[in-house]
Protein backbone atom coordinates (compact mmCIF):
# COMPACT_ATOMS: atom_id res chain seq x y z
CA UNK A 1 -92.46 -30.99 -48.71
CA UNK A 2 -92.75 -34.99 -48.48
CA UNK A 3 -90.85 -36.87 -45.50
CA UNK A 4 -90.38 -40.42 -44.15
CA UNK A 5 -90.75 -40.28 -40.77
CA UNK A 6 -90.13 -43.61 -39.07
CA UNK A 7 -92.22 -44.46 -35.78
CA UNK A 8 -91.73 -47.17 -33.45
CA UNK A 9 -94.98 -49.48 -33.85
CA UNK A 10 -96.47 -48.38 -30.17
CA UNK A 11 -96.47 -44.81 -31.55
CA UNK A 12 -97.43 -45.44 -34.51
CA UNK A 13 -100.49 -47.64 -33.33
CA UNK A 14 -101.78 -44.44 -31.12
CA UNK A 15 -100.94 -42.20 -33.53
CA UNK A 16 -103.18 -44.46 -36.30
CA UNK A 17 -106.10 -44.46 -33.02
CA UNK A 18 -105.57 -41.18 -32.39
CA UNK A 19 -106.34 -40.14 -36.08
CA UNK A 20 -109.48 -42.18 -36.35
CA UNK A 21 -110.95 -40.47 -33.56
CA UNK A 22 -110.27 -37.56 -35.06
CA UNK A 23 -110.97 -38.10 -38.83
CA UNK A 24 -107.67 -37.03 -39.88
CA UNK A 25 -104.55 -38.78 -41.88
CA UNK A 26 -101.64 -39.20 -40.07
CA UNK A 27 -99.81 -36.29 -41.96
CA UNK A 28 -102.45 -34.28 -40.52
CA UNK A 29 -101.99 -35.17 -37.45
CA UNK A 30 -98.15 -34.60 -37.64
CA UNK A 31 -98.29 -31.73 -38.76
CA UNK A 32 -100.67 -30.57 -35.84
CA UNK A 33 -98.03 -31.58 -33.69
CA UNK A 34 -94.76 -30.09 -35.26
CA UNK A 35 -96.82 -26.66 -35.52
CA UNK A 36 -97.33 -26.85 -31.48
CA UNK A 37 -94.03 -28.04 -31.06
CA UNK A 38 -92.03 -25.42 -32.68
CA UNK A 39 -94.58 -22.75 -31.14
CA UNK A 40 -93.13 -24.17 -27.79
CA UNK A 41 -90.06 -23.97 -28.70
CA UNK A 42 -89.70 -20.26 -30.14
CA UNK A 43 -87.47 -18.18 -28.64
CA UNK A 44 -89.92 -15.60 -26.88
CA UNK A 45 -88.38 -12.46 -27.02
CA UNK A 46 -90.71 -10.89 -24.54
CA UNK A 47 -89.95 -13.64 -22.02
CA UNK A 48 -86.04 -12.61 -21.47
CA UNK A 49 -86.33 -8.67 -22.84
CA UNK A 50 -85.37 -6.82 -19.74
CA UNK A 51 -83.97 -9.81 -17.47
CA UNK A 52 -80.99 -8.19 -16.61
CA UNK A 53 -82.29 -4.50 -16.42
CA UNK A 54 -82.12 -4.29 -12.50
CA UNK A 55 -77.85 -4.25 -13.27
CA UNK A 56 -75.68 -1.56 -13.89
CA UNK A 57 -74.41 -3.16 -16.96
CA UNK A 58 -72.34 -1.94 -19.70
CA UNK A 59 -73.13 -4.51 -22.57
CA UNK A 60 -69.87 -3.30 -24.69
CA UNK A 61 -67.73 -3.36 -21.41
CA UNK A 62 -69.37 -6.96 -20.30
CA UNK A 63 -68.28 -8.25 -23.90
CA UNK A 64 -65.22 -6.98 -23.57
CA UNK A 65 -64.95 -8.49 -20.36
CA UNK A 66 -65.96 -11.89 -21.64
CA UNK A 67 -63.95 -12.20 -24.60
CA UNK A 68 -60.70 -11.29 -22.46
CA UNK A 69 -61.82 -14.64 -20.48
CA UNK A 70 -61.25 -16.93 -23.52
CA UNK A 71 -58.31 -15.01 -24.90
CA UNK A 72 -56.56 -15.74 -21.31
CA UNK A 73 -57.75 -19.27 -21.55
């Protein structure tokens, strides 16, 4: 997929300098940056799985309680 990215002049100059140092194209640098950003922002199920395991909670009961709150508004 091709796309157009508008960058302020300062960021473009920094990107060009980095690309020159590494011997890569702007496109390659942006692909690498996007991969790193997506990896960082991706939800990590292992990080959140079991967070409420110490609570005595019934998931269905919790859903019903939350939905009742919606109806009261």
